[in-house]
Amino acid sequence: MTLEVIKAAVDAGQTVHWANTAYVVHKDRVGQYLITYLPNGNCIGLTHRSGHRLNGDEAEFFLVRSEDGAENPGRQ
């Protein structure tokens, strides 16, 4: 997923994960996009300081389909 697609999905209320379902991308109260590790609540920015380069490979981000909860990792 590209940065733009990830942001659009989060803004649309979809659940975006990074690497596995323990990592969730979300937008905070001040408009920052973050990746949070659910087991302990630690988070990092979705991008490097430049705001243009993802903290992870595009292929590692995926959505969970809401109709059945199945993962869609976006890579084969």
PDB file of N, CA and C in Angstrom:
ATOM      1  N   MET A   1       0.848  -1.182   0.000  1.00  0.00           N
ATOM      2  CA  MET A   1       0.000   0.000   0.000  1.00  0.00           C
ATOM      3  C   MET A   1       0.893   1.244   0.000  1.00  0.00           C
ATOM      4  N   THR A   2       0.507   2.218  -0.772  1.00  0.00           N
ATOM      5  CA  THR A   2       1.260   3.468  -0.780  1.00  0.00           C
ATOM      6  C   THR A   2       0.851   4.326   0.408  1.00  0.00           C
ATOM      7  N   LEU A   3       1.647   5.332   0.689  1.00  0.00           N
ATOM      8  CA  LEU A   3       1.349   6.246   1.784  1.00  0.00           C
ATOM      9  C   LEU A   3      -0.035   6.873   1.605  1.00  0.00           C
ATOM     10  N   GLU A   4      -0.339   7.301   0.396  1.00  0.00           N
ATOM     11  CA  GLU A   4      -1.621   7.942   0.131  1.00  0.00           C
ATOM     12  C   GLU A   4      -2.789   6.985   0.354  1.00  0.00           C
ATOM     13  N   VAL A   5      -2.634   5.739  -0.070  1.00  0.00           N
ATOM     14  CA  VAL A   5      -3.684   4.727   0.104  1.00  0.00           C
ATOM     15  C   VAL A   5      -3.879   4.417   1.583  1.00  0.00           C
ATOM     16  N   ILE A   6      -2.790   4.315   2.324  1.00  0.00           N
ATOM     17  CA  ILE A   6      -2.872   4.041   3.763  1.00  0.00           C
ATOM     18  C   ILE A   6      -3.625   5.163   4.468  1.00  0.00           C
ATOM     19  N   LYS A   7      -3.242   6.406   4.194  1.00  0.00           N
ATOM     20  CA  LYS A   7      -3.906   7.543   4.835  1.00  0.00           C
ATOM     21  C   LYS A   7      -5.386   7.599   4.473  1.00  0.00           C
ATOM     22  N   ALA A   8      -5.710   7.365   3.213  1.00  0.00           N
ATOM     23  CA  ALA A   8      -7.113   7.390   2.780  1.00  0.00           C
ATOM     24  C   ALA A   8      -7.919   6.298   3.481  1.00  0.00           C
ATOM     25  N   ALA A   9      -7.340   5.119   3.633  1.00  0.00           N
ATOM     26  CA  ALA A   9      -8.029   4.016   4.305  1.00  0.00           C
ATOM     27  C   ALA A   9      -8.273   4.337   5.775  1.00  0.00           C
ATOM     28  N   VAL A  10      -7.264   4.862   6.446  1.00  0.00           N
ATOM     29  CA  VAL A  10      -7.412   5.231   7.854  1.00  0.00           C
ATOM     30  C   VAL A  10      -8.482   6.314   7.995  1.00  0.00           C
ATOM     31  N   ASP A  11      -8.419   7.319   7.129  1.00  0.00           N
ATOM     32  CA  ASP A  11      -9.404   8.405   7.171  1.00  0.00           C
ATOM     33  C   ASP A  11     -10.823   7.903   6.906  1.00  0.00           C
ATOM     34  N   ALA A  12     -10.938   6.823   6.133  1.00  0.00           N
ATOM     35  CA  ALA A  12     -12.248   6.241   5.823  1.00  0.00           C
ATOM     36  C   ALA A  12     -12.729   5.275   6.907  1.00  0.00           C
ATOM     37  N   GLY A  13     -11.930   5.108   7.966  1.00  0.00           N
ATOM     38  CA  GLY A  13     -12.334   4.239   9.065  1.00  0.00           C
ATOM     39  C   GLY A  13     -11.968   2.783   8.893  1.00  0.00           C
ATOM     40  N   GLN A  14     -11.152   2.457   7.890  1.00  0.00           N
ATOM     41  CA  GLN A  14     -10.731   1.076   7.689  1.00  0.00           C
ATOM     42  C   GLN A  14      -9.551   0.768   8.619  1.00  0.00           C
ATOM     43  N   THR A  15      -9.386  -0.492   8.949  1.00  0.00           N
ATOM     44  CA  THR A  15      -8.291  -0.913   9.810  1.00  0.00           C
ATOM     45  C   THR A  15      -7.106  -1.311   8.942  1.00  0.00           C
ATOM     46  N   VAL A  16      -6.012  -0.585   9.110  1.00  0.00           N
ATOM     47  CA  VAL A  16      -4.780  -0.858   8.367  1.00  0.00           C
ATOM     48  C   VAL A  16      -3.761  -1.410   9.348  1.00  0.00           C
ATOM     49  N   HIS A  17      -3.119  -2.514   8.949  1.00  0.00           N
ATOM     50  CA  HIS A  17      -2.084  -3.140   9.768  1.00  0.00           C
ATOM     51  C   HIS A  17      -0.746  -3.059   9.061  1.00  0.00           C
ATOM     52  N   TRP A  18       0.325  -3.177   9.856  1.00  0.00           N
ATOM     53  CA  TRP A  18       1.678  -3.238   9.317  1.00  0.00           C
ATOM     54  C   TRP A  18       2.330  -4.525   9.816  1.00  0.00           C
ATOM     55  N   ALA A  19       2.844  -5.309   8.930  1.00  0.00           N
ATOM     56  CA  ALA A  19       3.590  -6.534   9.219  1.00  0.00           C
ATOM     57  C   ALA A  19       2.714  -7.670   9.760  1.00  0.00           C
ATOM     58  N   ASN A  20       1.900  -7.416  10.779  1.00  0.00           N
ATOM     59  CA  ASN A  20       0.957  -8.403  11.298  1.00  0.00           C
ATOM     60  C   ASN A  20      -0.151  -7.651  12.035  1.00  0.00           C
ATOM     61  N   THR A  21      -1.153  -8.357  12.497  1.00  0.00           N
ATOM     62  CA  THR A  21      -2.321  -7.691  13.084  1.00  0.00           C
ATOM     63  C   THR A  21      -2.059  -7.053  14.441  1.00  0.00           C
ATOM     64  N   ALA A  22      -0.880  -7.252  15.010  1.00  0.00           N
ATOM     65  CA  ALA A  22      -0.545  -6.595  16.279  1.00  0.00           C
ATOM     66  C   ALA A  22      -0.194  -5.122  16.078  1.00  0.00           C
ATOM     67  N   TYR A  23       0.124  -4.733  14.852  1.00  0.00           N
ATOM     68  CA  TYR A  23       0.464  -3.345  14.529  1.00  0.00           C
ATOM     69  C   TYR A  23      -0.691  -2.692  13.781  1.00  0.00           C
ATOM     70  N   VAL A  24      -1.202  -1.586  14.297  1.00  0.00           N
ATOM     71  CA  VAL A  24      -2.330  -0.891  13.690  1.00  0.00           C
ATOM     72  C   VAL A  24      -1.933   0.549  13.386  1.00  0.00           C
ATOM     73  N   VAL A  25      -2.327   1.014  12.198  1.00  0.00           N
ATOM     74  CA  VAL A  25      -2.090   2.398  11.810  1.00  0.00           C
ATOM     75  C   VAL A  25      -3.314   3.218  12.213  1.00  0.00           C
ATOM     76  N   HIS A  26      -3.082   4.365  12.831  1.00  0.00           N
ATOM     77  CA  HIS A  26      -4.198   5.229  13.220  1.00  0.00           C
ATOM     78  C   HIS A  26      -3.766   6.683  13.151  1.00  0.00           C
ATOM     79  N   LYS A  27      -4.721   7.576  13.268  1.00  0.00           N
ATOM     80  CA  LYS A  27      -4.475   9.011  13.248  1.00  0.00           C
ATOM     81  C   LYS A  27      -4.794   9.550  14.633  1.00  0.00           C
ATOM     82  N   ASP A  28      -3.866  10.324  15.209  1.00  0.00           N
ATOM     83  CA  ASP A  28      -4.091  10.840  16.564  1.00  0.00           C
ATOM     84  C   ASP A  28      -4.874  12.157  16.529  1.00  0.00           C
ATOM     85  N   ARG A  29      -5.091  12.732  17.703  1.00  0.00           N
ATOM     86  CA  ARG A  29      -5.892  13.958  17.834  1.00  0.00           C
ATOM     87  C   ARG A  29      -5.314  15.167  17.122  1.00  0.00           C
ATOM     88  N   VAL A  30      -3.998  15.177  16.925  1.00  0.00           N
ATOM     89  CA  VAL A  30      -3.379  16.325  16.260  1.00  0.00           C
ATOM     90  C   VAL A  30      -3.109  16.066  14.780  1.00  0.00           C
ATOM     91  N   GLY A  31      -3.601  14.946  14.262  1.00  0.00           N
ATOM     92  CA  GLY A  31      -3.498  14.656  12.834  1.00  0.00           C
ATOM     93  C   GLY A  31      -2.286  13.871  12.395  1.00  0.00           C
ATOM     94  N   GLN A  32      -1.513  13.331  13.347  1.00  0.00           N
ATOM     95  CA  GLN A  32      -0.352  12.511  13.005  1.00  0.00           C
ATOM     96  C   GLN A  32      -0.798  11.075  12.746  1.00  0.00           C
ATOM     97  N   TYR A  33      -0.216  10.454  11.725  1.00  0.00           N
ATOM     98  CA  TYR A  33      -0.469   9.043  11.450  1.00  0.00           C
ATOM     99  C   TYR A  33       0.602   8.236  12.167  1.00  0.00           C
ATOM    100  N   LEU A  34       0.174   7.274  12.968  1.00  0.00           N
ATOM    101  CA  LEU A  34       1.077   6.492  13.804  1.00  0.00           C
ATOM    102  C   LEU A  34       0.852   5.003  13.597  1.00  0.00           C
ATOM    103  N   ILE A  35       1.880   4.216  13.908  1.00  0.00           N
ATOM    104  CA  ILE A  35       1.770   2.763  13.942  1.00  0.00           C
ATOM    105  C   ILE A  35       1.908   2.368  15.406  1.00  0.00           C
ATOM    106  N   THR A  36       0.889   1.711  15.945  1.00  0.00           N
ATOM    107  CA  THR A  36       0.901   1.299  17.346  1.00  0.00           C
ATOM    108  C   THR A  36       0.978  -0.215  17.453  1.00  0.00           C
ATOM    109  N   TYR A  37       1.848  -0.679  18.333  1.00  0.00           N
ATOM    110  CA  TYR A  37       1.962  -2.096  18.658  1.00  0.00           C
ATOM    111  C   TYR A  37       0.982  -2.351  19.792  1.00  0.00           C
ATOM    112  N   LEU A  38      -0.103  -3.056  19.493  1.00  0.00           N
ATOM    113  CA  LEU A  38      -1.200  -3.210  20.444  1.00  0.00           C
ATOM    114  C   LEU A  38      -0.830  -3.864  21.776  1.00  0.00           C
ATOM    115  N   PRO A  39       0.016  -4.899  21.811  1.00  0.00           N
ATOM    116  CA  PRO A  39       0.301  -5.532  23.101  1.00  0.00           C
ATOM    117  C   PRO A  39       0.867  -4.605  24.176  1.00  0.00           C
ATOM    118  N   ASN A  40       1.642  -3.585  23.787  1.00  0.00           N
ATOM    119  CA  ASN A  40       2.209  -2.713  24.822  1.00  0.00           C
ATOM    120  C   ASN A  40       1.929  -1.228  24.597  1.00  0.00           C
ATOM    121  N   GLY A  41       1.275  -0.862  23.502  1.00  0.00           N
ATOM    122  CA  GLY A  41       0.911   0.527  23.252  1.00  0.00           C
ATOM    123  C   GLY A  41       2.014   1.407  22.695  1.00  0.00           C
ATOM    124  N   ASN A  42       3.199   0.851  22.463  1.00  0.00           N
ATOM    125  CA  ASN A  42       4.281   1.651  21.879  1.00  0.00           C
ATOM    126  C   ASN A  42       3.937   2.021  20.444  1.00  0.00           C
ATOM    127  N   CYS A  43       4.381   3.214  20.025  1.00  0.00           N
ATOM    128  CA  CYS A  43       4.084   3.614  18.657  1.00  0.00           C
ATOM    129  C   CYS A  43       5.238   4.381  18.032  1.00  0.00           C
ATOM    130  N   ILE A  44       5.219   4.391  16.700  1.00  0.00           N
ATOM    131  CA  ILE A  44       6.161   5.165  15.896  1.00  0.00           C
ATOM    132  C   ILE A  44       5.347   5.883  14.837  1.00  0.00           C
ATOM    133  N   GLY A  45       5.950   6.868  14.212  1.00  0.00           N
ATOM    134  CA  GLY A  45       5.278   7.558  13.130  1.00  0.00           C
ATOM    135  C   GLY A  45       5.118   6.655  11.921  1.00  0.00           C
ATOM    136  N   LEU A  46       4.091   6.894  11.141  1.00  0.00           N
ATOM    137  CA  LEU A  46       3.888   6.133   9.911  1.00  0.00           C
ATOM    138  C   LEU A  46       5.021   6.401   8.931  1.00  0.00           C
ATOM    139  N   THR A  47       5.565   7.623   8.974  1.00  0.00           N
ATOM    140  CA  THR A  47       6.645   7.998   8.062  1.00  0.00           C
ATOM    141  C   THR A  47       7.868   8.485   8.833  1.00  0.00           C
ATOM    142  N   HIS A  48       8.964   8.609   8.106  1.00  0.00           N
ATOM    143  CA  HIS A  48      10.161   9.246   8.646  1.00  0.00           C
ATOM    144  C   HIS A  48       9.839  10.729   8.852  1.00  0.00           C
ATOM    145  N   ARG A  49      10.730  11.489   9.434  1.00  0.00           N
ATOM    146  CA  ARG A  49      10.498  12.910   9.712  1.00  0.00           C
ATOM    147  C   ARG A  49      10.117  13.712   8.483  1.00  0.00           C
ATOM    148  N   SER A  50      10.592  13.307   7.325  1.00  0.00           N
ATOM    149  CA  SER A  50      10.288  14.031   6.088  1.00  0.00           C
ATOM    150  C   SER A  50       8.796  14.011   5.775  1.00  0.00           C
ATOM    151  N   GLY A  51       8.120  12.989   6.286  1.00  0.00           N
ATOM    152  CA  GLY A  51       6.696  12.842   6.021  1.00  0.00           C
ATOM    153  C   GLY A  51       6.367  12.179   4.702  1.00  0.00           C
ATOM    154  N   HIS A  52       7.398  11.737   3.973  1.00  0.00           N
ATOM    155  CA  HIS A  52       7.179  11.165   2.652  1.00  0.00           C
ATOM    156  C   HIS A  52       7.613   9.713   2.518  1.00  0.00           C
ATOM    157  N   ARG A  53       8.413   9.215   3.445  1.00  0.00           N
ATOM    158  CA  ARG A  53       8.940   7.853   3.352  1.00  0.00           C
ATOM    159  C   ARG A  53       8.390   7.014   4.496  1.00  0.00           C
ATOM    160  N   LEU A  54       7.749   5.902   4.149  1.00  0.00           N
ATOM    161  CA  LEU A  54       7.132   5.023   5.142  1.00  0.00           C
ATOM    162  C   LEU A  54       8.162   4.391   6.062  1.00  0.00           C
ATOM    163  N   ASN A  55       7.783   4.176   7.314  1.00  0.00           N
ATOM    164  CA  ASN A  55       8.570   3.383   8.262  1.00  0.00           C
ATOM    165  C   ASN A  55       8.173   1.922   8.063  1.00  0.00           C
ATOM    166  N   GLY A  56       8.546   1.361   6.965  1.00  0.00           N
ATOM    167  CA  GLY A  56       8.211  -0.005   6.592  1.00  0.00           C
ATOM    168  C   GLY A  56       8.022  -0.069   5.095  1.00  0.00           C
ATOM    169  N   ASP A  57       8.048  -1.266   4.551  1.00  0.00           N
ATOM    170  CA  ASP A  57       7.854  -1.456   3.121  1.00  0.00           C
ATOM    171  C   ASP A  57       6.374  -1.370   2.771  1.00  0.00           C
ATOM    172  N   GLU A  58       6.072  -0.804   1.613  1.00  0.00           N
ATOM    173  CA  GLU A  58       4.681  -0.704   1.163  1.00  0.00           C
ATOM    174  C   GLU A  58       3.979  -2.062   1.192  1.00  0.00           C
ATOM    175  N   ALA A  59       4.695  -3.110   0.830  1.00  0.00           N
ATOM    176  CA  ALA A  59       4.110  -4.455   0.769  1.00  0.00           C
ATOM    177  C   ALA A  59       3.747  -5.011   2.144  1.00  0.00           C
ATOM    178  N   GLU A  60       4.243  -4.402   3.214  1.00  0.00           N
ATOM    179  CA  GLU A  60       3.975  -4.897   4.565  1.00  0.00           C
ATOM    180  C   GLU A  60       2.680  -4.338   5.165  1.00  0.00           C
ATOM    181  N   PHE A  61       2.054  -3.376   4.521  1.00  0.00           N
ATOM    182  CA  PHE A  61       0.812  -2.792   5.021  1.00  0.00           C
ATOM    183  C   PHE A  61      -0.367  -3.477   4.362  1.00  0.00           C
ATOM    184  N   PHE A  62      -1.415  -3.752   5.145  1.00  0.00           N
ATOM    185  CA  PHE A  62      -2.578  -4.438   4.601  1.00  0.00           C
ATOM    186  C   PHE A  62      -3.834  -4.081   5.382  1.00  0.00           C
ATOM    187  N   LEU A  63      -4.974  -4.364   4.763  1.00  0.00           N
ATOM    188  CA  LEU A  63      -6.291  -4.153   5.383  1.00  0.00           C
ATOM    189  C   LEU A  63      -6.838  -5.478   5.853  1.00  0.00           C
ATOM    190  N   VAL A  64      -7.727  -5.430   6.835  1.00  0.00           N
ATOM    191  CA  VAL A  64      -8.480  -6.614   7.231  1.00  0.00           C
ATOM    192  C   VAL A  64      -9.879  -6.432   6.679  1.00  0.00           C
ATOM    193  N   ARG A  65     -10.333  -7.391   5.909  1.00  0.00           N
ATOM    194  CA  ARG A  65     -11.676  -7.323   5.339  1.00  0.00           C
ATOM    195  C   ARG A  65     -12.698  -7.402   6.452  1.00  0.00           C
ATOM    196  N   SER A  66     -13.610  -6.458   6.481  1.00  0.00           N
ATOM    197  CA  SER A  66     -14.576  -6.386   7.576  1.00  0.00           C
ATOM    198  C   SER A  66     -15.621  -7.481   7.524  1.00  0.00           C
ATOM    199  N   GLU A  67     -15.952  -8.005   6.335  1.00  0.00           N
ATOM    200  CA  GLU A  67     -17.033  -8.979   6.240  1.00  0.00           C
ATOM    201  C   GLU A  67     -16.712 -10.317   6.894  1.00  0.00           C
ATOM    202  N   ASP A  68     -15.431 -10.703   6.920  1.00  0.00           N
ATOM    203  CA  ASP A  68     -15.120 -11.985   7.545  1.00  0.00           C
ATOM    204  C   ASP A  68     -13.903 -11.925   8.464  1.00  0.00           C
ATOM    205  N   GLY A  69     -13.285 -10.761   8.574  1.00  0.00           N
ATOM    206  CA  GLY A  69     -12.138 -10.619   9.457  1.00  0.00           C
ATOM    207  C   GLY A  69     -10.858 -11.238   8.936  1.00  0.00           C
ATOM    208  N   ALA A  70     -10.894 -11.761   7.709  1.00  0.00           N
ATOM    209  CA  ALA A  70      -9.706 -12.404   7.149  1.00  0.00           C
ATOM    210  C   ALA A  70      -8.663 -11.357   6.775  1.00  0.00           C
ATOM    211  N   GLU A  71      -7.427 -11.734   6.924  1.00  0.00           N
ATOM    212  CA  GLU A  71      -6.336 -10.828   6.568  1.00  0.00           C
ATOM    213  C   GLU A  71      -6.140 -10.790   5.067  1.00  0.00           C
ATOM    214  N   ASN A  72      -5.724  -9.647   4.583  1.00  0.00           N
ATOM    215  CA  ASN A  72      -5.378  -9.459   3.186  1.00  0.00           C
ATOM    216  C   ASN A  72      -4.022  -8.807   3.146  1.00  0.00           C
ATOM    217  N   PRO A  73      -2.941  -9.574   3.198  1.00  0.00           N
ATOM    218  CA  PRO A  73      -1.617  -8.990   3.328  1.00  0.00           C
ATOM    219  C   PRO A  73      -1.113  -8.215   2.128  1.00  0.00           C
ATOM    220  N   GLY A  74      -1.794  -8.286   0.998  1.00  0.00           N
ATOM    221  CA  GLY A  74      -1.397  -7.490  -0.139  1.00  0.00           C
ATOM    222  C   GLY A  74      -0.132  -7.965  -0.820  1.00  0.00           C
ATOM    223  N   ARG A  75       0.322  -9.144  -0.508  1.00  0.00           N
ATOM    224  CA  ARG A  75       1.495  -9.709  -1.185  1.00  0.00           C
ATOM    225  C   ARG A  75       1.312 -11.217  -1.246  1.00  0.00           C
ATOM    226  N   GLN A  76       1.924 -11.819  -2.205  1.00  0.00           N
ATOM    227  CA  GLN A  76       1.784 -13.254  -2.412  1.00  0.00           C
ATOM    228  C   GLN A  76       2.940 -13.991  -1.812  1.00  0.00           C
TER     229      GLN A  76
END
